[in-house]
């Protein structure tokens, strides 16, 4: 049973649905394994728990929004 894991910041339900569908479809085609065999785990992280360029992602996003 192939497993696909994705970690990201917060994502919408629609984005989750699309990620699960498209990742499964693509991996199934590449590996020639039926889509029903795949398990997809999505892990969301708070923006304060993600660092980008030495800063918490929450600060990076706030600074971008101020520009």
N, C-alpha and C. Protein backbone atom coordinates (compact mmCIF):
# COMPACT_ATOMS: atom_id res chain seq x y z
N UNK A 1 0.84 -1.16 0.00
CA UNK A 1 0.00 0.00 0.00
C UNK A 1 0.90 1.25 0.00
N UNK A 2 0.98 1.97 -1.11
CA UNK A 2 1.80 3.19 -1.17
C UNK A 2 1.20 4.30 -0.30
N UNK A 3 2.07 5.06 0.34
CA UNK A 3 1.66 6.17 1.19
C UNK A 3 2.28 7.45 0.67
N UNK A 4 1.46 8.48 0.55
CA UNK A 4 1.92 9.82 0.16
C UNK A 4 1.68 10.73 1.35
N UNK A 5 2.73 11.45 1.78
CA UNK A 5 2.60 12.38 2.91
C UNK A 5 2.94 13.78 2.45
N UNK A 6 2.11 14.74 2.88
CA UNK A 6 2.34 16.15 2.56
C UNK A 6 2.21 16.94 3.85
N UNK A 7 3.21 17.78 4.14
CA UNK A 7 3.12 18.72 5.26
C UNK A 7 3.06 20.11 4.69
N UNK A 8 2.19 20.94 5.25
CA UNK A 8 2.03 22.30 4.75
C UNK A 8 1.48 23.19 5.85
N UNK A 9 1.31 24.45 5.50
CA UNK A 9 0.57 25.36 6.36
C UNK A 9 -0.91 25.03 6.22
N UNK A 10 -1.75 25.89 6.75
CA UNK A 10 -3.20 25.67 6.70
C UNK A 10 -3.67 25.67 5.25
N UNK A 11 -4.54 24.71 4.91
CA UNK A 11 -5.13 24.63 3.58
C UNK A 11 -6.63 24.41 3.70
N UNK A 12 -7.34 24.81 2.68
CA UNK A 12 -8.80 24.70 2.69
C UNK A 12 -9.24 23.27 2.39
N UNK A 13 -10.50 22.99 2.67
CA UNK A 13 -11.05 21.68 2.37
C UNK A 13 -10.97 21.41 0.87
N UNK A 14 -11.24 22.42 0.06
CA UNK A 14 -11.19 22.26 -1.39
C UNK A 14 -9.77 21.92 -1.85
N UNK A 15 -8.77 22.59 -1.25
CA UNK A 15 -7.38 22.30 -1.59
C UNK A 15 -7.01 20.88 -1.17
N UNK A 16 -7.51 20.44 -0.02
CA UNK A 16 -7.24 19.07 0.43
C UNK A 16 -7.83 18.06 -0.54
N UNK A 17 -9.08 18.29 -0.93
CA UNK A 17 -9.74 17.38 -1.88
C UNK A 17 -8.93 17.30 -3.18
N UNK A 18 -8.50 18.45 -3.68
CA UNK A 18 -7.74 18.48 -4.93
C UNK A 18 -6.38 17.80 -4.78
N UNK A 19 -5.68 18.08 -3.68
CA UNK A 19 -4.39 17.44 -3.45
C UNK A 19 -4.52 15.92 -3.40
N UNK A 20 -5.48 15.43 -2.64
CA UNK A 20 -5.66 13.98 -2.52
C UNK A 20 -5.97 13.37 -3.87
N UNK A 21 -6.88 13.96 -4.60
CA UNK A 21 -7.28 13.44 -5.91
C UNK A 21 -6.12 13.46 -6.90
N UNK A 22 -5.45 14.61 -7.02
CA UNK A 22 -4.41 14.76 -8.05
C UNK A 22 -3.13 14.00 -7.69
N UNK A 23 -2.74 13.99 -6.42
CA UNK A 23 -1.56 13.22 -6.03
C UNK A 23 -1.79 11.73 -6.28
N UNK A 24 -2.96 11.25 -5.92
CA UNK A 24 -3.29 9.84 -6.14
C UNK A 24 -3.29 9.51 -7.62
N UNK A 25 -3.94 10.35 -8.42
CA UNK A 25 -4.03 10.12 -9.87
C UNK A 25 -2.64 10.10 -10.50
N UNK A 26 -1.81 11.06 -10.15
CA UNK A 26 -0.47 11.15 -10.74
C UNK A 26 0.40 9.97 -10.32
N UNK A 27 0.43 9.67 -9.02
CA UNK A 27 1.25 8.56 -8.54
C UNK A 27 0.77 7.23 -9.12
N UNK A 28 -0.53 7.06 -9.23
CA UNK A 28 -1.09 5.84 -9.80
C UNK A 28 -0.62 5.66 -11.24
N UNK A 29 -0.66 6.74 -12.01
CA UNK A 29 -0.23 6.67 -13.40
C UNK A 29 1.26 6.39 -13.54
N UNK A 30 2.06 7.04 -12.72
CA UNK A 30 3.51 6.86 -12.79
C UNK A 30 3.92 5.45 -12.35
N UNK A 31 3.33 4.97 -11.27
CA UNK A 31 3.72 3.68 -10.69
C UNK A 31 2.93 2.50 -11.24
N UNK A 32 1.88 2.80 -12.01
CA UNK A 32 1.01 1.76 -12.55
C UNK A 32 0.43 0.88 -11.45
N UNK A 33 -0.06 1.55 -10.41
CA UNK A 33 -0.72 0.91 -9.28
C UNK A 33 -2.12 1.48 -9.19
N UNK A 34 -3.13 0.68 -8.91
CA UNK A 34 -4.50 1.19 -8.85
C UNK A 34 -4.65 2.30 -7.80
N UNK A 35 -5.43 3.34 -8.11
CA UNK A 35 -5.63 4.45 -7.17
C UNK A 35 -6.15 3.99 -5.81
N UNK A 36 -6.93 2.93 -5.78
CA UNK A 36 -7.51 2.43 -4.53
C UNK A 36 -6.44 1.94 -3.55
N UNK A 37 -5.22 1.73 -4.04
CA UNK A 37 -4.14 1.22 -3.19
C UNK A 37 -3.45 2.32 -2.39
N UNK A 38 -3.65 3.58 -2.78
CA UNK A 38 -2.92 4.69 -2.18
C UNK A 38 -3.58 5.23 -0.92
N UNK A 39 -2.75 5.62 0.03
CA UNK A 39 -3.18 6.34 1.23
C UNK A 39 -2.48 7.68 1.20
N UNK A 40 -3.22 8.77 1.41
CA UNK A 40 -2.64 10.12 1.42
C UNK A 40 -2.85 10.71 2.81
N UNK A 41 -1.76 11.17 3.42
CA UNK A 41 -1.82 11.86 4.70
C UNK A 41 -1.48 13.33 4.47
N UNK A 42 -2.33 14.20 4.95
CA UNK A 42 -2.07 15.63 4.91
C UNK A 42 -1.89 16.12 6.34
N UNK A 43 -0.78 16.77 6.58
CA UNK A 43 -0.52 17.31 7.92
C UNK A 43 -0.40 18.82 7.81
N UNK A 44 -1.27 19.51 8.53
CA UNK A 44 -1.23 20.96 8.54
C UNK A 44 -0.45 21.44 9.76
N UNK A 45 0.36 22.46 9.55
CA UNK A 45 1.14 23.05 10.62
C UNK A 45 0.74 24.51 10.80
N UNK A 46 0.75 24.95 12.03
CA UNK A 46 0.52 26.37 12.29
C UNK A 46 1.66 27.17 11.69
N UNK A 47 1.36 28.36 11.20
CA UNK A 47 2.38 29.19 10.57
C UNK A 47 3.51 29.55 11.53
N UNK A 48 3.24 29.58 12.82
CA UNK A 48 4.30 29.85 13.80
C UNK A 48 5.25 28.67 13.95
N UNK A 49 4.86 27.51 13.46
CA UNK A 49 5.69 26.31 13.56
C UNK A 49 6.49 26.03 12.29
N UNK A 50 6.46 26.97 11.35
CA UNK A 50 7.18 26.83 10.08
C UNK A 50 8.13 28.02 9.97
N UNK A 51 9.40 27.75 9.69
CA UNK A 51 10.37 28.82 9.52
C UNK A 51 10.78 28.96 8.07
N UNK A 52 10.85 30.20 7.59
CA UNK A 52 11.29 30.49 6.23
C UNK A 52 12.28 31.65 6.30
N UNK A 53 13.47 31.43 5.80
CA UNK A 53 14.46 32.50 5.81
C UNK A 53 14.83 32.99 7.19
N UNK A 54 14.75 32.11 8.18
CA UNK A 54 15.12 32.48 9.54
C UNK A 54 14.03 33.17 10.33
N UNK A 55 12.81 33.20 9.77
CA UNK A 55 11.68 33.85 10.46
C UNK A 55 10.49 32.90 10.47
N UNK A 56 9.62 33.03 11.49
CA UNK A 56 8.38 32.25 11.45
C UNK A 56 7.56 32.64 10.22
N UNK A 57 6.92 31.67 9.61
CA UNK A 57 6.12 31.94 8.41
C UNK A 57 5.03 32.97 8.68
N UNK A 58 4.49 32.99 9.90
CA UNK A 58 3.46 33.98 10.23
C UNK A 58 4.01 35.40 10.05
N UNK A 59 5.26 35.64 10.43
CA UNK A 59 5.87 36.96 10.28
C UNK A 59 6.17 37.25 8.79
N UNK A 60 6.65 36.25 8.07
CA UNK A 60 6.94 36.43 6.63
C UNK A 60 5.66 36.84 5.90
N UNK A 61 4.55 36.15 6.18
CA UNK A 61 3.29 36.47 5.52
C UNK A 61 2.78 37.85 5.92
N UNK A 62 2.92 38.21 7.19
CA UNK A 62 2.49 39.53 7.65
C UNK A 62 3.30 40.62 6.96
N UNK A 63 4.60 40.41 6.82
CA UNK A 63 5.44 41.41 6.16
C UNK A 63 5.08 41.54 4.69
N UNK A 64 4.76 40.44 4.05
CA UNK A 64 4.34 40.48 2.62
C UNK A 64 3.05 41.27 2.47
N UNK A 65 2.12 41.07 3.39
CA UNK A 65 0.83 41.73 3.31
C UNK A 65 0.92 43.22 3.56
N UNK A 66 2.00 43.67 4.22
CA UNK A 66 2.17 45.10 4.49
C UNK A 66 2.70 45.84 3.28
N UNK A 67 3.25 45.12 2.31
CA UNK A 67 3.83 45.75 1.12
C UNK A 67 2.79 46.15 0.12
